[in-house]
């Protein structure tokens, strides 16, 4: 039996929030304005406090994607990744993922951020199995601004993981060990169901919970560039 290694993205594999960075990139390009920044900050505070209305947030977050073709968005993402993600990729995180891949473990990235933002970032780490908020596209493969299915947030991560495993004819019990690396108290539902929960750069609520439960805590802080 091999292992399953599951990674959160923001503040775990990268030392930033990719969605916040994407919004900052769009603001720099003049695509988002001051009112958008205020709304984004309010949503972020709700996320930190564990009371985010995911449907409202997704309507706000996904609207800019509808303005551009996929080719334009892909070009924007490449620039975004170079400018705003690569400085936050750590050598330690790369090495951690590499150890699981080299051991033959199944490696999965699961994030509450949408699949457009996270997929190219996951590929930087050699991760091909990716669960994020699924996005609807129209007949021309343009994003509609709608999401599909259950958002991968809080208990939604457990549901989406179960769906991903079922599609492969598996459950968590088919793995010798199931690891989940995360920084956020919002991920407690999934941390509670894996066999090896690991708090990475944990927020205060997760740090306290991890200490109480005796979970391993690690810090990934060495900048790669």
C-alpha atoms as a PDB file:
ATOM      1  CA  UNK A   1       0.000   0.000   0.000  1.00  0.00           C
ATOM      2  CA  UNK A   2       1.260   3.436  -0.867  1.00  0.00           C
ATOM      3  CA  UNK A   3       0.489   6.717   0.872  1.00  0.00           C
ATOM      4  CA  UNK A   4      -1.632   9.724  -0.046  1.00  0.00           C
ATOM      5  CA  UNK A   5      -0.119  13.169   0.491  1.00  0.00           C
ATOM      6  CA  UNK A   6      -2.591  16.059   0.305  1.00  0.00           C
ATOM      7  CA  UNK A   7      -1.438  19.670   0.268  1.00  0.00           C
ATOM      8  CA  UNK A   8      -3.251  22.937   0.773  1.00  0.00           C
ATOM      9  CA  UNK A   9      -1.774  25.754  -1.341  1.00  0.00           C
ATOM     10  CA  UNK A  10      -2.003  29.229   0.164  1.00  0.00           C
ATOM     11  CA  UNK A  11       0.345  29.880   3.101  1.00  0.00           C
ATOM     12  CA  UNK A  12       1.276  26.190   2.949  1.00  0.00           C
ATOM     13  CA  UNK A  13       3.136  25.402  -0.270  1.00  0.00           C
ATOM     14  CA  UNK A  14       3.456  29.115  -1.061  1.00  0.00           C
ATOM     15  CA  UNK A  15       4.039  31.916   1.415  1.00  0.00           C
ATOM     16  CA  UNK A  16       1.113  34.016   0.217  1.00  0.00           C
ATOM     17  CA  UNK A  17      -2.540  33.779  -0.726  1.00  0.00           C
ATOM     18  CA  UNK A  18      -2.752  33.175  -4.475  1.00  0.00           C
ATOM     19  CA  UNK A  19      -6.233  34.661  -4.735  1.00  0.00           C
ATOM     20  CA  UNK A  20      -5.175  37.834  -2.908  1.00  0.00           C
ATOM     21  CA  UNK A  21      -2.161  38.074  -5.195  1.00  0.00           C
ATOM     22  CA  UNK A  22      -4.360  37.583  -8.283  1.00  0.00           C
ATOM     23  CA  UNK A  23      -6.627  40.412  -7.146  1.00  0.00           C
ATOM     24  CA  UNK A  24      -3.583  42.634  -6.563  1.00  0.00           C
ATOM     25  CA  UNK A  25      -2.338  41.778 -10.048  1.00  0.00           C
ATOM     26  CA  UNK A  26      -5.720  42.693 -11.563  1.00  0.00           C
ATOM     27  CA  UNK A  27      -5.755  45.956  -9.609  1.00  0.00           C
ATOM     28  CA  UNK A  28      -2.271  46.773 -10.888  1.00  0.00           C
ATOM     29  CA  UNK A  29      -3.568  46.260 -14.424  1.00  0.00           C
ATOM     30  CA  UNK A  30      -6.535  48.543 -13.777  1.00  0.00           C
ATOM     31  CA  UNK A  31      -9.029  45.687 -14.065  1.00  0.00           C
ATOM     32  CA  UNK A  32     -10.151  46.004 -10.430  1.00  0.00           C
ATOM     33  CA  UNK A  33     -10.787  49.341  -8.733  1.00  0.00           C
ATOM     34  CA  UNK A  34     -10.801  50.707  -5.195  1.00  0.00           C
ATOM     35  CA  UNK A  35     -14.337  49.470  -4.482  1.00  0.00           C
ATOM     36  CA  UNK A  36     -13.281  45.975  -5.513  1.00  0.00           C
ATOM     37  CA  UNK A  37     -10.314  46.122  -3.146  1.00  0.00           C
ATOM     38  CA  UNK A  38     -12.585  47.011  -0.230  1.00  0.00           C
ATOM     39  CA  UNK A  39     -14.937  44.152  -1.039  1.00  0.00           C
ATOM     40  CA  UNK A  40     -11.994  41.768  -1.379  1.00  0.00           C
ATOM     41  CA  UNK A  41     -10.626  42.786   2.016  1.00  0.00           C
ATOM     42  CA  UNK A  42     -14.015  42.211   3.622  1.00  0.00           C
ATOM     43  CA  UNK A  43     -14.221  38.726   2.105  1.00  0.00           C
ATOM     44  CA  UNK A  44     -10.680  37.949   3.286  1.00  0.00           C
ATOM     45  CA  UNK A  45     -11.547  38.966   6.839  1.00  0.00           C
ATOM     46  CA  UNK A  46     -14.599  36.713   6.725  1.00  0.00           C
ATOM     47  CA  UNK A  47     -12.338  33.865   5.557  1.00  0.00           C
ATOM     48  CA  UNK A  48      -9.911  34.493   8.414  1.00  0.00           C
ATOM     49  CA  UNK A  49     -12.828  34.527  10.860  1.00  0.00           C
ATOM     50  CA  UNK A  50     -14.285  31.325   9.438  1.00  0.00           C
ATOM     51  CA  UNK A  51     -17.569  32.912   8.307  1.00  0.00           C
ATOM     52  CA  UNK A  52     -17.032  33.399   4.570  1.00  0.00           C
ATOM     53  CA  UNK A  53     -20.168  33.199   2.394  1.00  0.00           C
ATOM     54  CA  UNK A  54     -18.579  31.163  -0.379  1.00  0.00           C
ATOM     55  CA  UNK A  55     -21.311  31.737  -2.965  1.00  0.00           C
ATOM     56  CA  UNK A  56     -21.123  35.521  -2.600  1.00  0.00           C
ATOM     57  CA  UNK A  57     -17.349  35.452  -2.681  1.00  0.00           C
ATOM     58  CA  UNK A  58     -17.235  33.308  -5.819  1.00  0.00           C
ATOM     59  CA  UNK A  59     -19.588  35.621  -7.688  1.00  0.00           C
ATOM     60  CA  UNK A  60     -17.178  38.451  -6.899  1.00  0.00           C
ATOM     61  CA  UNK A  61     -13.987  36.493  -7.508  1.00  0.00           C
ATOM     62  CA  UNK A  62     -14.975  34.928 -10.818  1.00  0.00           C
ATOM     63  CA  UNK A  63     -16.529  37.963 -12.526  1.00  0.00           C
ATOM     64  CA  UNK A  64     -13.208  39.310 -13.951  1.00  0.00           C
ATOM     65  CA  UNK A  65     -12.520  35.983 -15.680  1.00  0.00           C
ATOM     66  CA  UNK A  66     -15.529  36.492 -17.930  1.00  0.00           C
ATOM     67  CA  UNK A  67     -13.981  39.576 -19.572  1.00  0.00           C
ATOM     68  CA  UNK A  68     -11.152  37.795 -21.382  1.00  0.00           C
ATOM     69  CA  UNK A  69     -10.511  34.889 -23.737  1.00  0.00           C
ATOM     70  CA  UNK A  70      -8.774  31.805 -22.385  1.00  0.00           C
ATOM     71  CA  UNK A  71      -5.648  32.638 -24.384  1.00  0.00           C
ATOM     72  CA  UNK A  72      -5.522  36.111 -22.837  1.00  0.00           C
ATOM     73  CA  UNK A  73      -6.133  34.733 -19.356  1.00  0.00           C
ATOM     74  CA  UNK A  74      -3.375  32.144 -19.775  1.00  0.00           C
ATOM     75  CA  UNK A  75      -0.937  34.874 -20.826  1.00  0.00           C
ATOM     76  CA  UNK A  76      -1.985  36.969 -17.845  1.00  0.00           C
ATOM     77  CA  UNK A  77      -1.516  34.000 -15.528  1.00  0.00           C
ATOM     78  CA  UNK A  78       2.030  33.427 -16.758  1.00  0.00           C
ATOM     79  CA  UNK A  79       2.924  37.024 -15.975  1.00  0.00           C
ATOM     80  CA  UNK A  80       1.105  36.823 -12.638  1.00  0.00           C
ATOM     81  CA  UNK A  81       2.970  33.662 -11.663  1.00  0.00           C
ATOM     82  CA  UNK A  82       6.362  35.137 -12.499  1.00  0.00           C
ATOM     83  CA  UNK A  83       5.724  38.407 -10.699  1.00  0.00           C
ATOM     84  CA  UNK A  84       3.561  37.452  -7.752  1.00  0.00           C
ATOM     85  CA  UNK A  85       3.873  33.712  -7.056  1.00  0.00           C
ATOM     86  CA  UNK A  86       7.470  32.687  -7.735  1.00  0.00           C
ATOM     87  CA  UNK A  87       8.881  35.019  -5.036  1.00  0.00           C
ATOM     88  CA  UNK A  88       6.743  33.099  -2.518  1.00  0.00           C
ATOM     89  CA  UNK A  89       7.687  29.563  -3.581  1.00  0.00           C
ATOM     90  CA  UNK A  90       9.987  27.975  -1.018  1.00  0.00           C
ATOM     91  CA  UNK A  91      12.812  25.516  -1.492  1.00  0.00           C
ATOM     92  CA  UNK A  92      11.535  23.640   1.558  1.00  0.00           C
ATOM     93  CA  UNK A  93       8.065  23.219   0.074  1.00  0.00           C
ATOM     94  CA  UNK A  94       9.477  21.977  -3.220  1.00  0.00           C
ATOM     95  CA  UNK A  95      11.608  19.451  -1.336  1.00  0.00           C
ATOM     96  CA  UNK A  96       8.668  18.266   0.770  1.00  0.00           C
ATOM     97  CA  UNK A  97       6.505  17.578  -2.264  1.00  0.00           C
ATOM     98  CA  UNK A  98       9.434  15.961  -4.065  1.00  0.00           C
ATOM     99  CA  UNK A  99       9.971  13.511  -1.187  1.00  0.00           C
ATOM    100  CA  UNK A 100       6.392  12.287  -1.457  1.00  0.00           C
ATOM    101  CA  UNK A 101       6.575  12.020  -5.240  1.00  0.00           C
ATOM    102  CA  UNK A 102       9.887  10.140  -5.109  1.00  0.00           C
ATOM    103  CA  UNK A 103       8.430   7.756  -2.517  1.00  0.00           C
ATOM    104  CA  UNK A 104       5.699   6.821  -4.990  1.00  0.00           C
ATOM    105  CA  UNK A 105       2.914   8.408  -2.960  1.00  0.00           C
ATOM    106  CA  UNK A 106      -0.223   9.723  -4.609  1.00  0.00           C
ATOM    107  CA  UNK A 107       0.081  13.510  -4.308  1.00  0.00           C
ATOM    108  CA  UNK A 108      -2.933  15.831  -4.423  1.00  0.00           C
ATOM    109  CA  UNK A 109      -3.364  19.583  -4.141  1.00  0.00           C
ATOM    110  CA  UNK A 110      -6.694  20.724  -2.688  1.00  0.00           C
ATOM    111  CA  UNK A 111      -7.556  24.392  -2.343  1.00  0.00           C
ATOM    112  CA  UNK A 112     -10.542  26.661  -1.774  1.00  0.00           C
ATOM    113  CA  UNK A 113      -9.173  28.846  -4.584  1.00  0.00           C
ATOM    114  CA  UNK A 114     -10.480  28.282  -8.097  1.00  0.00           C
ATOM    115  CA  UNK A 115      -8.891  25.871 -10.546  1.00  0.00           C
ATOM    116  CA  UNK A 116      -7.839  28.605 -12.999  1.00  0.00           C
ATOM    117  CA  UNK A 117      -5.543  30.182 -10.404  1.00  0.00           C
ATOM    118  CA  UNK A 118      -4.200  27.060  -8.733  1.00  0.00           C
ATOM    119  CA  UNK A 119      -3.593  24.608 -11.581  1.00  0.00           C
ATOM    120  CA  UNK A 120      -0.453  26.222 -13.089  1.00  0.00           C
ATOM    121  CA  UNK A 121       0.912  26.793  -9.569  1.00  0.00           C
ATOM    122  CA  UNK A 122       0.419  23.123  -8.670  1.00  0.00           C
ATOM    123  CA  UNK A 123       2.361  22.187 -11.796  1.00  0.00           C
ATOM    124  CA  UNK A 124       5.338  24.182 -10.498  1.00  0.00           C
ATOM    125  CA  UNK A 125       5.626  21.526  -7.791  1.00  0.00           C
ATOM    126  CA  UNK A 126       5.076  18.591 -10.141  1.00  0.00           C
ATOM    127  CA  UNK A 127       1.567  17.997  -8.785  1.00  0.00           C
ATOM    128  CA  UNK A 128      -0.892  16.747 -11.391  1.00  0.00           C
ATOM    129  CA  UNK A 129      -3.846  15.796  -9.157  1.00  0.00           C
ATOM    130  CA  UNK A 130      -5.681  19.020  -8.360  1.00  0.00           C
ATOM    131  CA  UNK A 131      -8.943  19.882  -6.626  1.00  0.00           C
ATOM    132  CA  UNK A 132     -10.096  23.498  -6.633  1.00  0.00           C
ATOM    133  CA  UNK A 133     -13.334  25.338  -7.188  1.00  0.00           C
ATOM    134  CA  UNK A 134     -14.564  24.052 -10.546  1.00  0.00           C
ATOM    135  CA  UNK A 135     -15.466  26.681 -13.119  1.00  0.00           C
ATOM    136  CA  UNK A 136     -18.172  26.639 -15.766  1.00  0.00           C
ATOM    137  CA  UNK A 137     -17.221  27.436 -19.352  1.00  0.00           C
ATOM    138  CA  UNK A 138     -19.419  28.242 -22.350  1.00  0.00           C
ATOM    139  CA  UNK A 139     -19.352  26.758 -25.857  1.00  0.00           C
ATOM    140  CA  UNK A 140     -16.333  28.926 -26.683  1.00  0.00           C
ATOM    141  CA  UNK A 141     -14.508  27.737 -23.540  1.00  0.00           C
ATOM    142  CA  UNK A 142     -14.780  31.157 -21.931  1.00  0.00           C
ATOM    143  CA  UNK A 143     -15.469  31.285 -18.211  1.00  0.00           C
ATOM    144  CA  UNK A 144     -19.074  32.186 -17.413  1.00  0.00           C
ATOM    145  CA  UNK A 145     -18.476  33.432 -13.878  1.00  0.00           C
ATOM    146  CA  UNK A 146     -20.320  30.459 -12.390  1.00  0.00           C
ATOM    147  CA  UNK A 147     -18.859  27.591 -10.408  1.00  0.00           C
ATOM    148  CA  UNK A 148     -19.806  23.915 -10.608  1.00  0.00           C
ATOM    149  CA  UNK A 149     -20.566  21.476  -7.821  1.00  0.00           C
ATOM    150  CA  UNK A 150     -19.397  21.759  -4.244  1.00  0.00           C
ATOM    151  CA  UNK A 151     -16.749  24.408  -3.549  1.00  0.00           C
ATOM    152  CA  UNK A 152     -13.625  22.891  -1.995  1.00  0.00           C
ATOM    153  CA  UNK A 153     -13.946  24.872   1.239  1.00  0.00           C
ATOM    154  CA  UNK A 154     -14.244  23.594   4.816  1.00  0.00           C
ATOM    155  CA  UNK A 155     -16.425  20.438   4.766  1.00  0.00           C
ATOM    156  CA  UNK A 156     -16.498  20.788   0.987  1.00  0.00           C
ATOM    157  CA  UNK A 157     -12.887  19.650   0.881  1.00  0.00           C
ATOM    158  CA  UNK A 158     -13.861  16.371   2.528  1.00  0.00           C
ATOM    159  CA  UNK A 159     -16.706  15.884   0.046  1.00  0.00           C
ATOM    160  CA  UNK A 160     -14.556  16.727  -2.966  1.00  0.00           C
ATOM    161  CA  UNK A 161     -11.782  14.421  -1.736  1.00  0.00           C
ATOM    162  CA  UNK A 162     -14.298  11.598  -1.317  1.00  0.00           C
ATOM    163  CA  UNK A 163     -15.520  12.191  -4.875  1.00  0.00           C
ATOM    164  CA  UNK A 164     -11.952  12.206  -6.200  1.00  0.00           C
ATOM    165  CA  UNK A 165     -11.161   8.949  -4.403  1.00  0.00           C
ATOM    166  CA  UNK A 166     -14.414   7.286  -5.497  1.00  0.00           C
ATOM    167  CA  UNK A 167     -13.648   8.104  -9.130  1.00  0.00           C
ATOM    168  CA  UNK A 168     -10.498   6.032  -8.665  1.00  0.00           C
ATOM    169  CA  UNK A 169     -12.270   3.221  -6.836  1.00  0.00           C
ATOM    170  CA  UNK A 170     -10.587   4.104  -3.559  1.00  0.00           C
ATOM    171  CA  UNK A 171     -11.192   5.377  -0.044  1.00  0.00           C
ATOM    172  CA  UNK A 172      -8.731   6.756   2.501  1.00  0.00           C
ATOM    173  CA  UNK A 173      -8.518   3.282   4.052  1.00  0.00           C
ATOM    174  CA  UNK A 174      -6.852   2.019   0.870  1.00  0.00           C
ATOM    175  CA  UNK A 175      -3.720   3.995   1.785  1.00  0.00           C
ATOM    176  CA  UNK A 176      -1.172   3.006   4.392  1.00  0.00           C
ATOM    177  CA  UNK A 177      -1.050   6.653   5.514  1.00  0.00           C
ATOM    178  CA  UNK A 178      -2.972   9.739   4.426  1.00  0.00           C
ATOM    179  CA  UNK A 179      -1.237  13.060   5.067  1.00  0.00           C
ATOM    180  CA  UNK A 180      -2.778  16.522   4.892  1.00  0.00           C
ATOM    181  CA  UNK A 181      -0.613  19.631   5.127  1.00  0.00           C
ATOM    182  CA  UNK A 182      -2.475  22.887   5.843  1.00  0.00           C
ATOM    183  CA  UNK A 183      -2.096  26.270   7.513  1.00  0.00           C
ATOM    184  CA  UNK A 184      -5.768  27.096   8.168  1.00  0.00           C
ATOM    185  CA  UNK A 185      -8.371  26.360  10.823  1.00  0.00           C
ATOM    186  CA  UNK A 186     -10.859  26.310   7.931  1.00  0.00           C
ATOM    187  CA  UNK A 187      -9.296  22.965   6.973  1.00  0.00           C
ATOM    188  CA  UNK A 188     -10.021  21.270  10.295  1.00  0.00           C
ATOM    189  CA  UNK A 189     -12.763  19.062   8.751  1.00  0.00           C
ATOM    190  CA  UNK A 190     -10.223  17.435   6.428  1.00  0.00           C
ATOM    191  CA  UNK A 191      -7.388  17.465   8.947  1.00  0.00           C
ATOM    192  CA  UNK A 192      -9.607  15.455  11.277  1.00  0.00           C
ATOM    193  CA  UNK A 193     -10.231  12.630   8.780  1.00  0.00           C
ATOM    194  CA  UNK A 194      -6.701  11.903   7.524  1.00  0.00           C
ATOM    195  CA  UNK A 195      -4.378   9.629   9.468  1.00  0.00           C
ATOM    196  CA  UNK A 196      -1.505  12.152   9.602  1.00  0.00           C
ATOM    197  CA  UNK A 197      -2.643  15.784   9.983  1.00  0.00           C
ATOM    198  CA  UNK A 198       0.221  18.282   9.755  1.00  0.00           C
ATOM    199  CA  UNK A 199      -0.101  21.984  10.562  1.00  0.00           C
ATOM    200  CA  UNK A 200       2.108  24.096   8.283  1.00  0.00           C
ATOM    201  CA  UNK A 201       2.754  27.727   9.198  1.00  0.00           C
ATOM    202  CA  UNK A 202      -0.515  27.456  11.153  1.00  0.00           C
ATOM    203  CA  UNK A 203      -2.828  30.345  11.927  1.00  0.00           C
ATOM    204  CA  UNK A 204      -3.446  30.901  15.655  1.00  0.00           C
ATOM    205  CA  UNK A 205      -6.634  28.834  15.798  1.00  0.00           C
ATOM    206  CA  UNK A 206      -5.047  25.886  14.007  1.00  0.00           C
ATOM    207  CA  UNK A 207      -1.853  26.182  16.059  1.00  0.00           C
ATOM    208  CA  UNK A 208      -3.847  25.926  19.291  1.00  0.00           C
ATOM    209  CA  UNK A 209      -5.894  22.992  17.998  1.00  0.00           C
ATOM    210  CA  UNK A 210      -2.792  21.175  16.738  1.00  0.00           C
ATOM    211  CA  UNK A 211      -1.060  21.610  20.095  1.00  0.00           C
ATOM    212  CA  UNK A 212      -4.122  20.272  21.922  1.00  0.00           C
ATOM    213  CA  UNK A 213      -4.354  17.248  19.627  1.00  0.00           C
ATOM    214  CA  UNK A 214      -0.613  16.599  19.522  1.00  0.00           C
ATOM    215  CA  UNK A 215      -0.410  17.085  15.764  1.00  0.00           C
ATOM    216  CA  UNK A 216       2.908  17.704  14.097  1.00  0.00           C
ATOM    217  CA  UNK A 217       3.611  21.360  13.268  1.00  0.00           C
ATOM    218  CA  UNK A 218       6.203  22.487  10.710  1.00  0.00           C
ATOM    219  CA  UNK A 219       7.260  25.821   9.255  1.00  0.00           C
ATOM    220  CA  UNK A 220       8.208  26.353   5.627  1.00  0.00           C
ATOM    221  CA  UNK A 221       9.816  29.771   5.453  1.00  0.00           C
ATOM    222  CA  UNK A 222      12.959  29.644   3.333  1.00  0.00           C
ATOM    223  CA  UNK A 223      12.473  31.783   0.237  1.00  0.00           C
ATOM    224  CA  UNK A 224      13.511  30.066  -2.973  1.00  0.00           C
ATOM    225  CA  UNK A 225      14.398  33.283  -4.784  1.00  0.00           C
END
